[in-house]
């Protein structure tokens, strides 16, 4: 458990990425406890979310979106195809492109995980009213964009 008795200087001096890491580790632990019947890693989940939000994305586009190599994407996609969560097809207009979509099984898994994620999100932000919650998410979105622009 995170020590909640930090002094103000520690709060200010702690880098944003460390806060994000704590949150991600906590979220990953939450999912492990809730998804005992499903073998999925946080890394795989990142791919599933991005394939869901960008239907018919190419492997190259996915590598650019996630800031990883095409080889890394190919390896992860192979795992997800083997698990029956993602389908990979050749682009009819460009045979060198692989197009990715979730399978029906992948869609069902996405819904299950997203439902859990929304509940988790609301629990950790329970002290925020709806306006502050949406403002917080907008701030995170802006930070994400700025961070991506640095890359």
Protein backbone atom coordinates (compact mmCIF):
# COMPACT_ATOMS: atom_id res chain seq x y z
CA UNK A 1 0.00 0.00 0.00
CA UNK A 2 1.20 3.48 -0.79
CA UNK A 3 2.25 5.52 2.24
CA UNK A 4 -0.38 8.28 2.45
CA UNK A 5 1.55 10.41 4.92
CA UNK A 6 3.77 12.19 2.44
CA UNK A 7 4.97 15.69 3.17
CA UNK A 8 4.00 18.38 0.63
CA UNK A 9 7.56 18.63 -0.69
CA UNK A 10 7.60 14.92 -1.47
CA UNK A 11 4.28 15.20 -3.28
CA UNK A 12 5.58 18.06 -5.41
CA UNK A 13 9.01 16.50 -6.03
CA UNK A 14 7.69 13.08 -7.04
CA UNK A 15 7.69 12.84 -10.86
CA UNK A 16 4.38 12.40 -12.64
CA UNK A 17 5.60 9.16 -14.21
CA UNK A 18 6.08 7.63 -10.76
CA UNK A 19 2.48 8.42 -9.85
CA UNK A 20 1.37 6.88 -13.15
CA UNK A 21 3.47 3.79 -12.42
CA UNK A 22 1.87 3.35 -8.99
CA UNK A 23 -1.57 3.68 -10.53
CA UNK A 24 -0.76 1.17 -13.29
CA UNK A 25 0.67 -1.34 -10.83
CA UNK A 26 -2.42 -1.01 -8.67
CA UNK A 27 -4.71 -1.37 -11.69
CA UNK A 28 -2.81 -4.43 -12.91
CA UNK A 29 -3.13 -6.02 -9.46
CA UNK A 30 -6.86 -5.22 -9.43
CA UNK A 31 -7.36 -6.90 -12.82
CA UNK A 32 -5.35 -9.99 -11.81
CA UNK A 33 -7.64 -10.45 -8.81
CA UNK A 34 -10.82 -9.93 -10.85
CA UNK A 35 -9.83 -11.88 -13.97
CA UNK A 36 -8.72 -15.17 -12.46
CA UNK A 37 -10.42 -17.05 -15.31
CA UNK A 38 -8.63 -15.13 -18.07
CA UNK A 39 -4.94 -15.18 -18.87
CA UNK A 40 -4.09 -11.72 -20.09
CA UNK A 41 -1.21 -9.39 -19.39
CA UNK A 42 -1.36 -5.65 -19.03
CA UNK A 43 0.72 -5.37 -22.21
CA UNK A 44 -1.79 -7.47 -24.13
CA UNK A 45 -4.59 -5.33 -22.74
CA UNK A 46 -2.94 -2.20 -24.14
CA UNK A 47 -3.01 -3.79 -27.61
CA UNK A 48 -6.62 -4.92 -27.24
CA UNK A 49 -7.75 -1.42 -26.27
CA UNK A 50 -5.92 0.19 -29.16
CA UNK A 51 -7.20 -2.33 -31.71
CA UNK A 52 -10.72 -1.74 -30.36
CA UNK A 53 -10.44 2.05 -30.55
CA UNK A 54 -8.75 1.98 -33.98
CA UNK A 55 -10.65 -0.67 -35.96
CA UNK A 56 -8.79 -2.02 -38.99
CA UNK A 57 -5.51 -0.52 -37.80
CA UNK A 58 -2.37 -1.77 -39.53
CA UNK A 59 0.49 -3.29 -37.57
CA UNK A 60 2.70 -0.37 -38.63
CA UNK A 61 0.13 2.19 -37.41
CA UNK A 62 -0.18 0.30 -34.13
CA UNK A 63 3.58 0.37 -33.63
CA UNK A 64 3.56 4.14 -34.19
CA UNK A 65 0.62 4.60 -31.82
CA UNK A 66 2.27 2.60 -29.03
CA UNK A 67 5.85 3.84 -29.60
CA UNK A 68 7.16 0.30 -30.07
CA UNK A 69 8.91 -1.50 -32.90
CA UNK A 70 7.03 -3.31 -35.63
CA UNK A 71 8.76 -6.50 -34.47
CA UNK A 72 7.32 -5.98 -30.99
CA UNK A 73 3.85 -5.51 -32.48
CA UNK A 74 4.23 -8.62 -34.65
CA UNK A 75 5.20 -10.71 -31.61
CA UNK A 76 2.29 -9.43 -29.51
CA UNK A 77 -0.21 -9.79 -32.36
CA UNK A 78 0.91 -13.39 -32.84
CA UNK A 79 0.08 -14.08 -29.15
CA UNK A 80 -3.30 -12.38 -29.41
CA UNK A 81 -4.18 -14.24 -32.62
CA UNK A 82 -3.19 -17.53 -30.95
CA UNK A 83 -5.50 -16.68 -28.01
CA UNK A 84 -8.32 -16.00 -30.48
CA UNK A 85 -8.67 -12.35 -29.47
CA UNK A 86 -7.40 -10.64 -32.63
CA UNK A 87 -7.70 -11.41 -36.31
CA UNK A 88 -5.01 -10.39 -38.76
CA UNK A 89 -5.81 -10.01 -42.44
CA UNK A 90 -3.91 -8.77 -45.45
CA UNK A 91 -5.05 -5.39 -46.70
CA UNK A 92 -6.72 -6.04 -50.08
CA UNK A 93 -5.35 -2.79 -51.53
CA UNK A 94 -1.82 -3.31 -50.17
CA UNK A 95 -0.79 -6.92 -49.54
CA UNK A 96 2.23 -5.83 -47.47
CA UNK A 97 -0.09 -4.36 -44.79
CA UNK A 98 -1.62 -6.47 -42.05
CA UNK A 99 -4.95 -5.17 -40.78
CA UNK A 100 -5.98 -5.93 -37.19
CA UNK A 101 -9.42 -6.25 -35.63
CA UNK A 102 -10.80 -7.87 -32.51
CA UNK A 103 -12.54 -11.19 -32.91
CA UNK A 104 -15.90 -11.83 -31.27
CA UNK A 105 -14.01 -13.35 -28.33
CA UNK A 106 -11.80 -10.25 -28.21
CA UNK A 107 -14.84 -7.97 -28.25
CA UNK A 108 -16.40 -9.88 -25.34
CA UNK A 109 -13.17 -9.67 -23.38
CA UNK A 110 -12.94 -5.95 -24.09
CA UNK A 111 -16.46 -5.39 -22.71
CA UNK A 112 -15.67 -7.41 -19.58
CA UNK A 113 -12.39 -5.61 -18.91
CA UNK A 114 -13.81 -2.20 -19.75
CA UNK A 115 -16.69 -2.74 -17.32
CA UNK A 116 -14.20 -3.63 -14.57
CA UNK A 117 -12.00 -0.69 -15.53
CA UNK A 118 -14.85 1.80 -15.32
CA UNK A 119 -15.75 0.48 -11.85
CA UNK A 120 -12.09 0.71 -10.77
CA UNK A 121 -11.79 4.22 -12.18
CA UNK A 122 -14.87 5.43 -10.36
CA UNK A 123 -13.66 3.85 -7.12
CA UNK A 124 -10.25 5.54 -7.20
CA UNK A 125 -11.83 8.87 -8.17
CA UNK A 126 -14.79 8.64 -5.78
CA UNK A 127 -13.77 11.89 -4.10
CA UNK A 128 -14.21 13.78 -7.38
CA UNK A 129 -17.59 14.99 -8.55
CA UNK A 130 -18.47 14.36 -12.21
CA UNK A 131 -17.20 17.74 -13.39
CA UNK A 132 -13.84 17.27 -11.66
CA UNK A 133 -13.64 13.68 -12.88
CA UNK A 134 -14.09 14.73 -16.52
CA UNK A 135 -11.73 17.66 -16.06
CA UNK A 136 -9.13 15.25 -14.64
CA UNK A 137 -9.54 12.96 -17.66
CA UNK A 138 -9.18 15.94 -20.00
CA UNK A 139 -5.98 16.96 -18.22
CA UNK A 140 -4.65 13.41 -18.60
CA UNK A 141 -5.55 13.53 -22.30
CA UNK A 142 -3.69 16.82 -22.72
CA UNK A 143 -0.66 15.42 -20.89
CA UNK A 144 -0.78 12.36 -23.14
CA UNK A 145 -0.79 14.54 -26.25
CA UNK A 146 2.07 16.70 -24.98
CA UNK A 147 4.09 13.64 -24.04
CA UNK A 148 3.53 12.10 -27.48
CA UNK A 149 4.67 15.34 -29.12
CA UNK A 150 8.01 15.09 -27.31
CA UNK A 151 8.76 11.71 -28.87
